[in-house]
Protein backbone atom coordinates (compact mmCIF):
# COMPACT_ATOMS: atom_id res chain seq x y z
CA MET A 1 41.68 122.58 9.74
CA ILE A 2 38.96 124.43 11.55
CA GLU A 3 38.18 126.45 8.45
CA TRP A 4 37.80 123.27 6.35
CA LEU A 5 35.35 121.73 8.85
CA LEU A 6 33.25 124.85 9.08
CA PHE A 7 31.74 124.69 5.59
CA PRO A 8 30.37 121.11 5.93
CA LEU A 9 28.97 122.03 9.32
CA VAL A 10 27.19 125.03 7.84
CA ILE A 11 25.76 122.86 5.08
CA THR A 12 24.62 120.26 7.60
CA GLY A 13 23.04 122.90 9.79
CA ALA A 14 21.19 124.38 6.83
CA ALA A 15 19.80 120.95 5.98
CA LEU A 16 18.44 120.65 9.50
CA ILE A 17 16.53 123.93 9.26
CA PRO A 18 12.88 122.92 8.61
CA LYS A 19 11.49 124.06 5.29
CA LYS A 20 8.47 126.28 5.43
CA GLN A 21 5.37 124.21 4.80
CA MET A 22 3.35 125.13 1.73
CA THR A 23 -0.09 126.55 2.32
CA ASP A 24 -3.12 124.99 0.63
CA LYS A 25 -3.27 128.03 -1.63
CA GLN A 26 0.32 127.46 -2.74
CA LYS A 27 -0.27 123.75 -3.23
CA ILE A 28 -3.31 124.42 -5.41
CA GLN A 29 -1.32 126.78 -7.62
CA THR A 30 1.53 124.28 -7.90
CA ILE A 31 -0.89 121.51 -8.84
CA PHE A 32 -2.47 123.74 -11.51
CA GLU A 33 1.00 124.30 -12.99
CA ASN A 34 2.13 120.68 -12.74
CA CYS A 35 -1.10 119.48 -14.35
CA ASN A 36 -0.80 122.06 -17.14
CA LEU A 37 -4.14 123.64 -16.37
CA ALA A 38 -3.46 126.58 -18.63
CA ILE A 39 -3.78 128.03 -22.09
CA LYS A 40 -0.86 129.25 -24.18
CA ARG A 41 -1.06 132.73 -25.66
CA ASN A 42 1.81 134.69 -27.19
CA ASP A 43 4.28 132.02 -26.04
CA LYS A 44 3.13 132.48 -22.44
CA PHE A 45 1.11 130.10 -20.25
CA HIS A 46 -1.91 131.57 -18.49
CA TYR A 47 -3.12 129.67 -15.41
CA PRO A 48 -6.21 130.23 -13.25
CA LYS A 49 -5.68 133.53 -11.44
CA PHE A 50 -6.25 133.63 -7.69
CA GLN A 51 -8.95 136.13 -6.74
CA ARG A 52 -9.59 135.68 -3.03
CA GLU A 53 -9.79 133.27 -0.09
CA ILE A 54 -12.80 132.85 2.22
CA LYS A 55 -12.29 131.01 5.52
CA ARG A 56 -15.29 129.30 7.09
CA ASP A 57 -15.75 127.11 10.18
CA THR A 58 -15.18 123.75 8.49
CA TYR A 59 -13.71 124.62 5.10
CA THR A 60 -11.94 127.25 3.05
CA THR A 61 -13.08 128.55 -0.32
CA TYR A 62 -10.56 129.61 -2.96
CA LEU A 63 -11.85 131.69 -5.88
CA TYR A 64 -10.07 131.90 -9.24
CA TYR A 65 -10.56 133.69 -12.53
CA LEU A 66 -10.30 131.22 -15.41
CA PRO A 67 -8.57 132.20 -18.65
CA LEU A 68 -10.94 132.00 -21.60
CA GLY A 69 -10.49 128.63 -23.23
CA ILE A 70 -10.18 126.40 -20.15
CA SER A 71 -13.17 124.07 -20.01
CA SER A 72 -14.84 122.43 -17.02
CA ASP A 73 -13.74 119.05 -18.39
CA GLN A 74 -10.10 120.11 -18.13
CA PHE A 75 -10.56 121.05 -14.50
CA GLU A 76 -12.33 117.80 -13.63
CA ASP A 77 -9.16 115.93 -14.63
CA VAL A 78 -7.25 117.91 -11.97
CA ILE A 79 -9.57 117.02 -9.05
CA PRO A 80 -7.85 113.70 -8.16
CA ALA A 81 -4.48 115.48 -8.06
CA LEU A 82 -5.92 118.19 -5.80
CA LYS A 83 -7.35 115.63 -3.37
CA ASP A 84 -4.09 113.68 -3.26
CA GLY A 85 -1.87 116.76 -3.06
CA LEU A 86 -3.87 118.45 -0.32
CA ASN A 87 -4.80 115.17 1.39
CA LYS A 88 -8.23 116.67 1.95
CA GLU A 89 -11.72 116.47 0.51
CA VAL A 90 -12.32 118.93 -2.32
CA GLU A 91 -15.45 120.17 -4.09
CA TYR A 92 -15.72 122.71 -6.88
CA GLU A 93 -18.18 124.61 -9.02
CA PHE A 94 -18.20 127.29 -11.69
CA LYS A 95 -20.32 130.29 -10.73
CA ASP A 96 -20.57 133.88 -11.92
CA GLY A 97 -17.47 133.52 -14.08
CA LEU A 98 -15.35 132.21 -11.21
CA LEU A 99 -13.92 128.80 -10.33
CA ARG A 100 -14.79 128.01 -6.72
CA VAL A 101 -12.65 125.41 -4.93
CA ASP A 102 -13.82 124.30 -1.45
CA VAL A 103 -11.19 122.55 0.67
CA PHE A 104 -12.54 120.77 3.76
CA GLU A 105 -10.63 120.37 7.01
CA SER A 106 -12.25 117.10 8.11
CA GLU A 107 -13.71 113.97 6.55
CA LEU A 108 -17.38 113.05 6.45
CA PRO A 109 -18.63 110.96 9.40
CA GLU A 110 -18.70 107.25 8.64
CA LYS A 111 -22.09 106.99 10.35
CA TRP A 112 -24.73 109.27 11.80
CA SER A 113 -28.14 108.34 13.08
CA TYR A 114 -31.56 109.59 12.10
CA ASP A 115 -33.58 111.50 14.69
CA VAL A 116 -36.75 113.59 14.82
CA THR A 117 -34.86 116.87 14.45
CA LEU A 118 -34.51 116.00 10.76
CA LEU A 119 -38.26 116.24 10.20
CA GLN A 120 -39.82 119.15 8.29
CA PRO A 121 -43.53 118.79 9.19
CA GLY A 122 -45.98 119.77 6.47
CA THR A 123 -43.36 119.62 3.71
CA TRP A 124 -42.31 116.91 1.24
CA GLU A 125 -38.64 117.35 2.08
CA VAL A 126 -36.58 114.35 3.22
CA PRO A 127 -32.98 114.34 4.46
CA ILE A 128 -30.68 112.92 1.81
CA GLY A 129 -27.52 113.08 3.86
CA ARG A 130 -24.88 115.15 5.56
CA ASN A 131 -21.95 116.66 3.71
CA HIS A 132 -19.22 119.05 4.81
CA LYS A 133 -21.56 122.04 4.58
CA GLY A 134 -24.53 120.63 6.47
CA ILE A 135 -27.61 118.50 5.82
CA LEU A 136 -29.00 118.19 2.30
CA TYR A 137 -32.74 117.72 1.75
CA HIS A 138 -34.57 116.41 -1.29
CA ASP A 139 -37.85 118.21 -2.03
CA PHE A 140 -40.30 115.91 -3.83
CA GLU A 141 -42.39 118.93 -4.85
CA LYS A 142 -39.48 120.25 -6.91
CA TYR A 143 -38.08 116.92 -8.09
CA CYS A 144 -40.95 114.45 -8.17
CA HIS A 145 -39.01 111.24 -8.67
CA LEU A 146 -35.72 109.77 -7.47
CA LEU A 147 -33.44 107.08 -8.92
CA CYS A 148 -31.31 105.20 -6.41
CA GLY A 149 -28.76 102.41 -6.84
CA GLY A 150 -25.48 100.77 -5.90
CA VAL A 151 -24.12 97.42 -4.79
CA THR A 152 -25.91 95.43 -2.12
CA ARG A 153 -25.44 96.02 1.63
CA PHE A 154 -24.35 99.65 1.30
CA GLY A 155 -27.50 101.50 2.25
CA LYS A 156 -30.19 101.56 -0.45
CA THR A 157 -32.92 99.84 1.57
CA VAL A 158 -32.00 101.77 4.72
CA PHE A 159 -32.34 104.96 2.70
CA LEU A 160 -35.77 103.91 1.35
CA LYS A 161 -36.96 103.23 4.89
CA GLU A 162 -35.66 106.60 6.05
CA VAL A 163 -37.58 108.31 3.24
CA MET A 164 -40.76 106.40 4.05
CA ASN A 165 -40.47 107.21 7.74
CA THR A 166 -39.91 110.92 7.03
CA LEU A 167 -42.82 111.18 4.58
CA ILE A 168 -45.24 109.60 7.04
CA LEU A 169 -44.14 111.69 10.02
CA ASN A 170 -44.10 114.91 7.99
CA ASN A 171 -47.55 114.38 6.43
CA PRO A 172 -49.39 111.57 8.24
CA GLN A 173 -52.80 112.61 6.84
CA ASN A 174 -51.78 113.31 3.27
CA VAL A 175 -49.40 110.57 2.18
CA GLU A 176 -50.14 107.19 0.60
CA ILE A 177 -47.33 104.70 0.12
CA TYR A 178 -47.17 101.72 -2.23
CA VAL A 179 -44.14 99.46 -2.03
CA LEU A 180 -42.92 96.96 -4.59
CA ASP A 181 -40.60 94.95 -2.35
CA LEU A 182 -39.03 92.54 -4.82
CA LYS A 183 -37.00 90.91 -2.05
CA ALA A 184 -40.00 88.67 -1.34
CA GLY A 185 -41.47 91.35 0.92
CA LEU A 186 -38.87 90.70 3.60
CA GLU A 187 -37.97 94.35 4.11
CA PHE A 188 -41.29 96.20 3.95
CA SER A 189 -44.13 93.77 4.73
CA LYS A 190 -43.90 94.65 8.41
CA TYR A 191 -44.85 98.25 7.57
CA LYS A 192 -48.37 97.25 6.60
CA ALA A 193 -49.08 98.11 10.23
CA PHE A 194 -48.98 101.78 9.20
CA PRO A 195 -52.26 103.08 7.75
CA GLN A 196 -50.30 105.22 5.26
CA VAL A 197 -48.78 102.09 3.68
CA LYS A 198 -51.57 100.97 1.35
CA GLU A 199 -49.93 98.03 -0.44
CA VAL A 200 -46.74 95.96 -0.24
CA ALA A 201 -46.20 93.75 -3.29
CA CYS A 202 -43.73 90.90 -2.86
CA ASP A 203 -43.16 89.61 -6.40
CA VAL A 204 -43.66 90.52 -10.05
CA TYR A 205 -47.26 89.25 -10.08
CA GLU A 206 -48.36 91.27 -7.05
CA SER A 207 -46.44 94.26 -8.40
CA ALA A 208 -48.42 94.10 -11.64
CA GLN A 209 -51.68 94.12 -9.66
CA VAL A 210 -50.65 97.11 -7.58
CA LEU A 211 -49.42 99.03 -10.63
CA HIS A 212 -52.62 98.22 -12.51
CA GLN A 213 -54.59 99.78 -9.65
CA ILE A 214 -52.32 102.84 -9.57
CA THR A 215 -52.35 103.50 -13.32
CA ASN A 216 -56.15 103.17 -13.45
CA GLU A 217 -56.45 105.79 -10.71
CA LEU A 218 -53.87 107.93 -12.49
CA LYS A 219 -55.97 107.96 -15.67
CA LYS A 220 -59.06 109.03 -13.71
CA ILE A 221 -57.14 111.86 -12.05
CA GLU A 222 -55.73 112.90 -15.40
CA LEU A 223 -59.26 113.16 -16.83
CA TYR A 224 -60.43 115.16 -13.80
CA PHE A 225 -57.50 117.57 -14.13
CA ARG A 226 -58.27 118.08 -17.80
CA GLU A 227 -61.91 118.89 -17.00
CA LYS A 228 -60.86 121.39 -14.32
CA GLY A 229 -58.06 122.92 -16.35
CA TYR A 230 -55.38 121.88 -13.86
CA THR A 231 -51.84 121.25 -15.08
CA ASN A 232 -49.93 120.57 -11.86
CA ILE A 233 -51.15 119.33 -8.48
CA ILE A 234 -49.01 121.94 -6.76
CA ASP A 235 -51.39 124.59 -8.09
CA THR A 236 -54.53 122.81 -6.87
CA PRO A 237 -56.22 122.46 -3.47
CA PHE A 238 -55.23 118.76 -3.31
CA LYS A 239 -52.77 117.96 -0.52
CA LYS A 240 -52.43 114.19 -0.91
CA ARG A 241 -49.34 112.67 -2.54
CA LYS A 242 -48.88 109.04 -3.57
CA PHE A 243 -45.42 107.50 -3.40
CA ILE A 244 -44.41 104.32 -5.22
CA PHE A 245 -41.28 102.68 -3.82
CA VAL A 246 -39.49 100.07 -5.94
CA ASP A 247 -36.90 98.08 -4.00
CA GLU A 248 -34.89 96.07 -6.50
CA GLY A 249 -36.19 97.16 -9.86
CA ALA A 250 -34.02 94.60 -11.68
CA GLU A 251 -36.53 91.93 -10.66
CA LEU A 252 -39.04 93.67 -12.94
CA SER A 253 -36.78 93.50 -16.00
CA PRO A 254 -38.08 91.18 -18.77
CA ASN A 255 -34.46 90.59 -19.78
CA ILE A 256 -33.58 89.28 -16.34
CA VAL A 257 -36.75 87.37 -15.42
CA LYS A 258 -36.51 83.76 -16.69
CA ASP A 259 -40.09 82.47 -16.48
CA LYS A 260 -42.09 83.20 -19.66
CA THR A 261 -45.26 84.13 -17.79
CA ALA A 262 -43.32 86.31 -15.38
CA LYS A 263 -41.69 88.09 -18.34
CA LYS A 264 -45.11 89.32 -19.52
CA TYR A 265 -45.92 90.66 -16.07
CA ALA A 266 -42.48 92.27 -15.90
CA GLU A 267 -43.08 94.00 -19.25
CA TYR A 268 -46.36 95.34 -17.92
CA CYS A 269 -44.67 96.58 -14.73
CA GLN A 270 -41.97 98.43 -16.63
CA GLY A 271 -44.55 100.02 -18.89
CA ALA A 272 -46.61 101.14 -15.91
CA LEU A 273 -43.58 102.55 -14.08
CA SER A 274 -42.57 104.42 -17.24
CA GLU A 275 -46.06 105.92 -17.41
CA ILE A 276 -45.87 107.03 -13.78
CA ALA A 277 -42.44 108.57 -14.38
CA ARG A 278 -43.63 110.40 -17.51
CA ILE A 279 -46.96 111.87 -16.43
CA GLY A 280 -47.44 111.04 -12.76
CA GLY A 281 -45.44 113.92 -11.29
CA GLY A 282 -47.94 116.63 -12.17
CA LEU A 283 -50.78 114.46 -10.86
CA GLY A 284 -49.30 113.91 -7.40
CA TYR A 285 -47.49 110.61 -7.95
CA ARG A 286 -43.89 110.23 -6.83
CA LEU A 287 -41.63 107.36 -7.93
CA ILE A 288 -38.59 106.19 -5.97
CA TYR A 289 -36.85 103.52 -8.03
CA ALA A 290 -33.96 101.56 -6.50
CA THR A 291 -31.78 98.77 -7.83
CA GLN A 292 -28.53 97.05 -6.97
CA TYR A 293 -28.04 96.17 -10.65
CA PRO A 294 -27.80 99.57 -12.38
CA THR A 295 -27.82 98.45 -16.00
CA LYS A 296 -29.86 99.63 -18.96
CA GLU A 297 -31.94 96.44 -18.59
CA ALA A 298 -32.67 97.04 -14.91
CA VAL A 299 -33.46 100.76 -15.28
CA PRO A 300 -36.01 101.35 -18.07
CA MET A 301 -35.00 104.22 -20.34
CA GLN A 302 -38.35 106.01 -19.93
CA VAL A 303 -37.96 105.82 -16.16
CA LYS A 304 -34.40 107.11 -16.19
CA MET A 305 -35.04 109.92 -18.67
CA ASN A 306 -37.86 111.32 -16.52
CA ILE A 307 -35.95 111.28 -13.24
CA VAL A 308 -33.68 114.26 -12.64
CA ALA A 309 -32.61 113.45 -9.08
CA ARG A 310 -30.22 110.55 -8.51
CA LEU A 311 -28.60 108.95 -5.47
CA SER A 312 -25.81 106.45 -6.01
CA PHE A 313 -24.10 104.35 -3.39
CA ILE A 314 -20.82 102.62 -4.27
CA CYS A 315 -20.98 100.92 -7.67
CA ALA A 316 -19.03 97.97 -8.99
CA SER A 317 -17.91 99.71 -12.17
CA GLN A 318 -17.79 102.96 -14.10
CA VAL A 319 -20.51 101.58 -16.37
CA ALA A 320 -22.89 101.21 -13.40
CA SER A 321 -21.99 104.71 -12.19
CA ARG A 322 -22.82 106.14 -15.61
CA VAL A 323 -26.21 104.40 -15.63
CA LEU A 324 -27.14 106.10 -12.36
CA LEU A 325 -25.32 109.44 -12.57
CA ASP A 326 -24.54 109.77 -16.28
CA ASP A 327 -20.97 110.13 -15.09
CA VAL A 328 -18.20 108.23 -13.33
CA GLY A 329 -17.48 108.65 -9.63
CA ALA A 330 -19.69 106.20 -7.73
CA GLU A 331 -17.22 103.38 -8.43
CA SER A 332 -14.58 105.34 -6.47
CA LEU A 333 -16.63 105.90 -3.31
CA PRO A 334 -15.11 104.44 -0.14
CA SER A 335 -16.56 101.15 1.09
CA ILE A 336 -18.58 102.83 3.83
CA PRO A 337 -22.27 101.92 4.22
CA GLY A 338 -24.36 105.02 3.66
CA ARG A 339 -21.71 106.91 1.66
CA SER A 340 -23.25 108.08 -1.60
CA ILE A 341 -23.35 110.71 -4.33
CA TYR A 342 -26.47 112.87 -4.61
CA LEU A 343 -27.06 114.43 -8.00
CA VAL A 344 -29.36 117.39 -8.52
CA GLU A 345 -27.76 120.01 -10.78
CA LYS A 346 -24.34 118.86 -9.53
CA MET A 347 -22.86 115.84 -7.74
CA ARG A 348 -22.32 116.04 -3.99
CA THR A 349 -20.93 113.32 -1.74
CA VAL A 350 -23.03 112.71 1.39
CA GLN A 351 -23.39 110.32 4.30
CA VAL A 352 -26.99 109.06 4.46
CA PRO A 353 -28.57 108.99 7.96
CA TYR A 354 -28.88 105.53 9.47
CA ILE A 355 -32.21 104.17 10.68
CA ASP A 356 -33.45 100.69 11.52
CA ASP A 357 -36.83 99.00 12.02
CA LYS A 358 -36.87 99.47 15.80
CA MET A 359 -36.15 103.18 15.47
CA ILE A 360 -38.95 103.56 12.92
CA PHE A 361 -41.57 101.75 14.99
CA LYS A 362 -40.50 103.64 18.10
CA MET A 363 -40.98 107.00 16.35
CA MET A 364 -44.31 105.93 14.88
CA GLY A 365 -45.51 104.82 18.29
CA GLU A 366 -44.43 107.99 20.05
CA MET A 367 -45.52 110.51 17.42
CA LEU A 368 -48.48 108.85 15.68
CA HIS A 369 -49.50 106.36 18.39
CA VAL A 370 -49.16 103.41 16.00
CA ASP A 371 -49.76 100.19 17.94
CA THR A 372 -46.94 97.79 17.08
CA ASN A 373 -45.23 94.90 18.81
CA ILE A 374 -41.92 94.83 16.94
CA LYS A 375 -39.00 93.85 19.12
């Protein structure tokens, strides 16, 4: 009787022995195999071959050789499975013939606040956001314009204010700012207190006036550059840069505006913005175009085609994501204000620094001695 009881007890005991947990490296390989990330040659499947592992403070990098024939599109289809299987954030890139997979140990912060340590005085670099590897900056000397979008209340206007604040504090003597605040001027009119903010237009009619002034000046500068043989302001003695902020570009779309007279002004505005996007960069003009309605009507094709850098907050659909990023992804962002995808060369998820009006006026008062009474 004892002998008969022994075997079930052994089986039960074996079941209680904890199984060895798979490492992330093992999980990645299993996911590759389960997702058929391979090519078949001579009746044998060839999967990405592990090369080495690099441990860092906040993430681990796994490097793989890819068999010839596996495309980047094939690997992109595996990313959701990697994130779910590892239960961690994952980024990847192809570099020097290797597939690089970065696996992060912690999630991005849901909020972090702007402070003066983010400033880069004398440069045209502004903090875009924090990701797992540190703080990303956008350099307006390298990428003159920026397209920004996403659904309302998730951080576009906060981001525009952060950019404006940074530009002024980095270059108080050499920056001019023009704002087309198509939310009736409610967000940016208060900033007329800053000498660097030259104009704040509040509707399509005022926007047309401001853009008429800007494009006339642009033509004069273009003529001067031609006479001097200049091709790019970066190679000239001129230090001043002029930034045009558009907050809610959809309000300048002739297809969205209902009033017939307003439509004509909207057509002019879109034409002027397209001109700035096409030729303004080399002349010292920088366009930051934001909209909560990322459609082909709201984002003029000439504007989009001349803007390399993109920042997308959460979008309502894949269609909207493609308008901003030329790819899907923004529709799958978590519903966290400030969470966005920054695209320059590749897409990177970031958390944009938070700033509010009181913080801005406080910094301006302390650093530039701007006299304001905002409460």
